[in-house]
């Protein structure tokens, strides 16, 4: 009955219902494999993003809670978001929750507008390489490392051997290239909103309130309140969720022999969160 009555009201007098699809980007950005929490990557997010950017929606909201991770996967995800937004002419809004740092901020930059809580952690525009070294432990327990290569650089940065200055120099040069790519992306997306400074691209991070002054975000606010204020009238918020039944095998954990690597992956991901006190 109400639908029939609604049809009798001229379209210009009806309040439009705006549908906003929400994609949650939570966890560490990394290729598939291992266990230890959610992982964001281009492959796992593709079906969610395609579903979110369907024609007819008024916008897509990215709810981000991410401490960073793989620069490559960060670029793949961000580029895919921009491509779908342009193809379907849909605006994108990012809402940073506890943290949107490093690769997490890269993802936020895929949005047309970025919002955060005043206590959110934002920034860390830099590149980091972390790992473990075991040469002292191997010597202590009398373990001999036997590696044979063809190519003088094939065993660069072997964690079972002492670090070589030349290897560290090569690694830092590679990280510097990645950092330039990250800075270029931030500048391209934020444009004249950025307040350039020496510290901006140093890898430092700030609260949401300070981030406004730096031009890293567009304002303070949470997803619901910002979208209601922006669209007015009626909005329909739709959570785009992953298919059910993602077990350990789906995450790449299939045999006991993978446990040592899984533990290291978990420790590394935990370290990423703890950098920001989380």
Protein backbone atom coordinates (compact mmCIF):
# COMPACT_ATOMS: atom_id res chain seq x y z
CA UNK A 1 0.00 0.00 0.00
CA UNK A 2 2.77 2.43 0.98
CA UNK A 3 4.57 1.71 -2.29
CA UNK A 4 1.41 2.55 -4.24
CA UNK A 5 0.97 5.79 -2.31
CA UNK A 6 4.63 6.66 -2.89
CA UNK A 7 4.13 6.37 -6.64
CA UNK A 8 1.37 8.99 -6.43
CA UNK A 9 3.85 11.52 -4.98
CA UNK A 10 5.75 13.40 -7.70
CA UNK A 11 9.42 12.34 -7.84
CA UNK A 12 10.66 15.87 -7.13
CA UNK A 13 8.95 15.79 -3.71
CA UNK A 14 10.25 12.38 -2.63
CA UNK A 15 13.31 12.04 -0.41
CA UNK A 16 15.91 9.95 -2.20
CA UNK A 17 17.42 7.01 -0.36
CA UNK A 18 21.19 6.99 -0.83
CA UNK A 19 22.81 3.57 -0.74
CA UNK A 20 26.37 3.57 0.60
CA UNK A 21 28.34 0.33 0.42
CA UNK A 22 30.89 -0.20 3.20
CA UNK A 23 34.10 -2.17 2.69
CA UNK A 24 36.09 -2.93 5.83
CA UNK A 25 39.85 -2.90 5.32
CA UNK A 26 41.04 -4.41 8.58
CA UNK A 27 44.35 -6.16 9.24
CA UNK A 28 47.85 -6.33 7.82
CA UNK A 29 48.43 -5.89 4.08
CA UNK A 30 50.19 -9.01 2.81
CA UNK A 31 50.06 -11.73 0.18
CA UNK A 32 48.11 -14.82 1.09
CA UNK A 33 49.74 -17.50 3.24
CA UNK A 34 50.38 -18.16 6.89
CA UNK A 35 48.09 -17.52 9.83
CA UNK A 36 47.85 -14.87 12.50
CA UNK A 37 45.04 -12.48 11.71
CA UNK A 38 43.33 -10.91 8.74
CA UNK A 39 45.36 -10.19 5.64
CA UNK A 40 44.47 -7.66 2.99
CA UNK A 41 45.56 -8.25 -0.58
CA UNK A 42 44.33 -7.66 -4.10
CA UNK A 43 43.12 -11.23 -4.64
CA UNK A 44 41.03 -11.54 -1.48
CA UNK A 45 39.50 -8.07 -1.83
CA UNK A 46 38.65 -8.24 -5.54
CA UNK A 47 35.16 -9.83 -5.14
CA UNK A 48 34.27 -7.42 -2.32
CA UNK A 49 35.36 -4.36 -4.28
CA UNK A 50 33.53 -5.43 -7.44
CA UNK A 51 30.37 -5.97 -5.40
CA UNK A 52 30.74 -2.62 -3.61
CA UNK A 53 31.19 -0.56 -6.77
CA UNK A 54 27.95 -1.59 -8.42
CA UNK A 55 26.07 0.95 -10.47
CA UNK A 56 23.36 2.86 -8.67
CA UNK A 57 25.06 3.34 -5.30
CA UNK A 58 25.71 6.87 -4.08
CA UNK A 59 29.12 6.12 -2.65
CA UNK A 60 31.56 3.59 -1.23
CA UNK A 61 32.92 3.96 2.31
CA UNK A 62 36.24 2.38 3.27
CA UNK A 63 36.39 1.59 7.01
CA UNK A 64 40.14 1.32 7.60
CA UNK A 65 41.95 -0.20 10.55
CA UNK A 66 45.36 -1.13 9.18
CA UNK A 67 48.99 -0.69 10.35
CA UNK A 68 50.48 -1.29 6.91
CA UNK A 69 52.32 -4.12 5.21
CA UNK A 70 53.28 -4.93 1.63
CA UNK A 71 53.88 -1.87 -0.61
CA UNK A 72 53.01 -3.94 -3.68
CA UNK A 73 49.67 -5.13 -2.32
CA UNK A 74 48.93 -1.60 -1.05
CA UNK A 75 49.39 -0.28 -4.59
CA UNK A 76 47.33 -3.08 -6.14
CA UNK A 77 44.38 -2.49 -3.79
CA UNK A 78 44.49 1.32 -4.05
CA UNK A 79 44.76 1.24 -7.85
CA UNK A 80 41.84 -1.17 -8.09
CA UNK A 81 39.67 1.07 -5.92
CA UNK A 82 40.48 4.08 -8.11
CA UNK A 83 39.80 2.14 -11.32
CA UNK A 84 36.38 0.93 -10.13
CA UNK A 85 35.48 4.39 -8.81
CA UNK A 86 36.33 6.00 -12.15
CA UNK A 87 34.60 3.30 -14.19
CA UNK A 88 31.34 3.58 -12.26
CA UNK A 89 31.61 7.29 -11.36
CA UNK A 90 31.18 6.58 -7.64
CA UNK A 91 32.73 8.79 -4.91
CA UNK A 92 34.87 7.08 -2.26
CA UNK A 93 35.13 8.09 1.39
CA UNK A 94 37.74 6.70 3.81
CA UNK A 95 37.11 6.48 7.55
CA UNK A 96 40.22 5.77 9.60
CA UNK A 97 39.55 3.97 12.85
CA UNK A 98 42.32 3.03 15.33
CA UNK A 99 45.09 3.29 12.77
CA UNK A 100 45.60 4.03 9.08
CA UNK A 101 49.36 4.11 8.86
CA UNK A 102 51.99 3.23 6.26
CA UNK A 103 50.18 0.97 3.75
CA UNK A 104 46.96 1.65 5.65
CA UNK A 105 47.29 5.34 4.81
CA UNK A 106 48.12 4.39 1.21
CA UNK A 107 44.69 2.71 1.08
CA UNK A 108 43.05 5.79 2.61
CA UNK A 109 44.53 7.91 -0.16
CA UNK A 110 42.48 5.90 -2.67
CA UNK A 111 39.44 7.80 -1.34
CA UNK A 112 38.25 11.20 -2.52
CA UNK A 113 37.88 12.33 1.09
CA UNK A 114 39.50 11.02 4.28
CA UNK A 115 38.03 11.27 7.78
CA UNK A 116 39.27 10.05 11.16
CA UNK A 117 38.62 10.11 14.87
CA UNK A 118 40.62 12.77 16.70
CA UNK A 119 42.62 9.96 18.36
CA UNK A 120 43.21 7.87 15.23
CA UNK A 121 46.82 7.23 14.26
CA UNK A 122 47.58 8.56 10.78
CA UNK A 123 50.68 8.76 8.59
CA UNK A 124 53.91 6.76 8.82
CA UNK A 125 54.64 7.55 5.17
CA UNK A 126 57.75 5.45 4.84
CA UNK A 127 58.95 1.96 3.99
CA UNK A 128 60.35 -0.56 6.45
CA UNK A 129 62.02 -3.94 6.06
CA UNK A 130 62.15 -6.21 9.08
CA UNK A 131 63.40 -9.70 9.72
CA UNK A 132 65.35 -11.95 12.05
CA UNK A 133 69.00 -12.98 12.19
CA UNK A 134 70.29 -16.25 13.65
CA UNK A 135 74.10 -16.43 13.10
CA UNK A 136 74.97 -16.23 16.83
CA UNK A 137 72.42 -18.89 17.79
CA UNK A 138 73.69 -21.19 15.03
CA UNK A 139 77.27 -20.82 16.22
CA UNK A 140 76.24 -21.48 19.82
CA UNK A 141 74.48 -24.73 18.94
CA UNK A 142 77.08 -25.85 16.39
CA UNK A 143 74.75 -25.66 13.39
CA UNK A 144 76.44 -25.36 10.02
CA UNK A 145 74.72 -23.51 7.19
CA UNK A 146 75.34 -25.08 3.76
CA UNK A 147 74.25 -22.96 0.81
CA UNK A 148 75.57 -23.17 -2.75
CA UNK A 149 74.63 -20.52 -5.31
CA UNK A 150 75.32 -19.48 -8.86
CA UNK A 151 75.41 -15.68 -8.77
CA UNK A 152 77.23 -13.59 -6.19
CA UNK A 153 74.07 -11.82 -4.99
CA UNK A 154 71.86 -14.87 -4.73
CA UNK A 155 72.27 -15.22 -0.94
CA UNK A 156 71.97 -11.50 -0.15
CA UNK A 157 70.66 -10.80 3.36
CA UNK A 158 70.68 -14.46 4.38
CA UNK A 159 69.27 -14.42 7.97
CA UNK A 160 71.60 -17.25 8.94
CA UNK A 161 74.74 -15.25 8.11
CA UNK A 162 76.12 -12.00 9.58
CA UNK A 163 74.94 -8.86 7.77
CA UNK A 164 77.24 -7.47 5.08
CA UNK A 165 77.50 -3.67 4.64
CA UNK A 166 77.11 -4.00 0.87
CA UNK A 167 73.90 -6.01 1.29
CA UNK A 168 72.44 -3.43 3.67
CA UNK A 169 73.34 -0.65 1.22
CA UNK A 170 71.50 -2.41 -1.62
CA UNK A 171 68.46 -3.01 0.57
CA UNK A 172 68.29 0.63 1.67
CA UNK A 173 68.53 1.78 -1.96
CA UNK A 174 65.58 -0.45 -2.84
CA UNK A 175 63.56 0.83 0.14
CA UNK A 176 64.32 4.40 -0.95
CA UNK A 177 62.81 3.70 -4.39
CA UNK A 178 59.67 2.30 -2.77
CA UNK A 179 59.48 5.34 -0.50
CA UNK A 180 59.55 7.66 -3.52
CA UNK A 181 56.66 5.73 -5.06
CA UNK A 182 54.68 6.10 -1.82
CA UNK A 183 55.37 9.85 -1.63
CA UNK A 184 54.38 10.31 -5.27
CA UNK A 185 51.07 8.53 -4.62
CA UNK A 186 50.27 10.66 -1.56
CA UNK A 187 51.11 13.89 -3.39
CA UNK A 188 49.04 12.87 -6.42
CA UNK A 189 45.97 12.06 -4.33
CA UNK A 190 46.14 14.83 -1.69
CA UNK A 191 47.49 17.52 -4.03
CA UNK A 192 47.38 21.06 -2.61
CA UNK A 193 45.74 19.84 0.61
CA UNK A 194 49.15 18.70 1.86
CA UNK A 195 51.23 20.99 4.03
CA UNK A 196 54.70 19.94 2.90
CA UNK A 197 57.35 19.73 5.61
CA UNK A 198 60.56 17.84 6.34
CA UNK A 199 58.78 15.56 8.79
CA UNK A 200 55.77 14.75 6.60
CA UNK A 201 57.47 11.90 4.72
CA UNK A 202 59.86 10.87 7.49
CA UNK A 203 57.79 7.88 8.60
CA UNK A 204 56.39 9.82 11.58
CA UNK A 205 52.74 9.47 12.52
CA UNK A 206 50.20 11.71 14.22
CA UNK A 207 46.75 11.79 15.79
CA UNK A 208 43.73 12.56 13.65
CA UNK A 209 43.48 16.06 15.07
CA UNK A 210 47.06 16.95 14.10
CA UNK A 211 46.65 15.24 10.72
CA UNK A 212 44.07 17.86 9.67
CA UNK A 213 46.68 20.61 9.94
CA UNK A 214 49.09 18.54 7.84
CA UNK A 215 46.49 17.96 5.14
CA UNK A 216 46.59 14.19 5.55
CA UNK A 217 42.84 14.01 6.23
CA UNK A 218 39.85 16.17 5.36
CA UNK A 219 38.10 16.23 8.70
CA UNK A 220 37.18 14.58 11.98
CA UNK A 221 34.15 12.34 12.18
CA UNK A 222 32.85 8.81 12.14
CA UNK A 223 31.30 6.95 9.24
CA UNK A 224 27.60 7.23 10.08
CA UNK A 225 27.57 10.86 11.18
CA UNK A 226 29.69 12.10 8.27
CA UNK A 227 27.63 10.28 5.63
CA UNK A 228 24.30 11.44 7.13
CA UNK A 229 25.60 15.01 7.19
CA UNK A 230 26.91 14.71 3.64
CA UNK A 231 23.92 13.06 1.96
CA UNK A 232 21.09 14.15 4.25
CA UNK A 233 17.68 12.55 4.00
CA UNK A 234 17.68 8.77 4.02
CA UNK A 235 20.79 6.63 3.68
CA UNK A 236 21.06 2.88 3.49
CA UNK A 237 24.43 1.61 4.75
CA UNK A 238 25.27 -1.82 3.34
CA UNK A 239 28.18 -3.88 4.67
CA UNK A 240 29.97 -5.78 1.90
CA UNK A 241 31.15 -8.99 3.55
CA UNK A 242 33.46 -11.81 2.54
CA UNK A 243 32.00 -15.25 1.80
CA UNK A 244 31.58 -17.47 4.84
CA UNK A 245 33.78 -20.46 5.56
CA UNK A 246 37.26 -18.97 5.38
CA UNK A 247 39.17 -21.58 7.40
CA UNK A 248 42.83 -22.19 8.13
CA UNK A 249 43.29 -23.80 4.74
CA UNK A 250 41.89 -20.68 3.02
CA UNK A 251 44.54 -18.67 4.89
CA UNK A 252 47.29 -20.96 3.66
CA UNK A 253 47.83 -23.08 6.78
CA UNK A 254 47.58 -26.72 5.72
CA UNK A 255 50.35 -28.70 7.41
CA UNK A 256 52.29 -28.85 10.65
CA UNK A 257 55.50 -28.20 8.73
CA UNK A 258 54.27 -24.63 8.11
CA UNK A 259 54.02 -23.81 11.82
CA UNK A 260 57.48 -22.15 12.22
CA UNK A 261 56.79 -19.77 9.31
CA UNK A 262 53.28 -19.12 10.60
CA UNK A 263 54.62 -18.21 14.03
CA UNK A 264 57.13 -15.76 12.49
CA UNK A 265 54.36 -14.25 10.35
CA UNK A 266 52.25 -13.78 13.46
CA UNK A 267 55.12 -12.14 15.35
CA UNK A 268 55.86 -9.82 12.43
CA UNK A 269 52.22 -8.77 12.13
CA UNK A 270 52.01 -8.27 15.89
CA UNK A 271 55.09 -6.06 15.70
CA UNK A 272 53.40 -3.87 13.06
CA UNK A 273 50.43 -3.23 15.35
CA UNK A 274 52.64 -2.64 18.41
CA UNK A 275 54.57 0.09 16.62
CA UNK A 276 51.45 2.20 17.11
CA UNK A 277 50.76 1.06 20.67
CA UNK A 278 47.98 -1.33 19.64
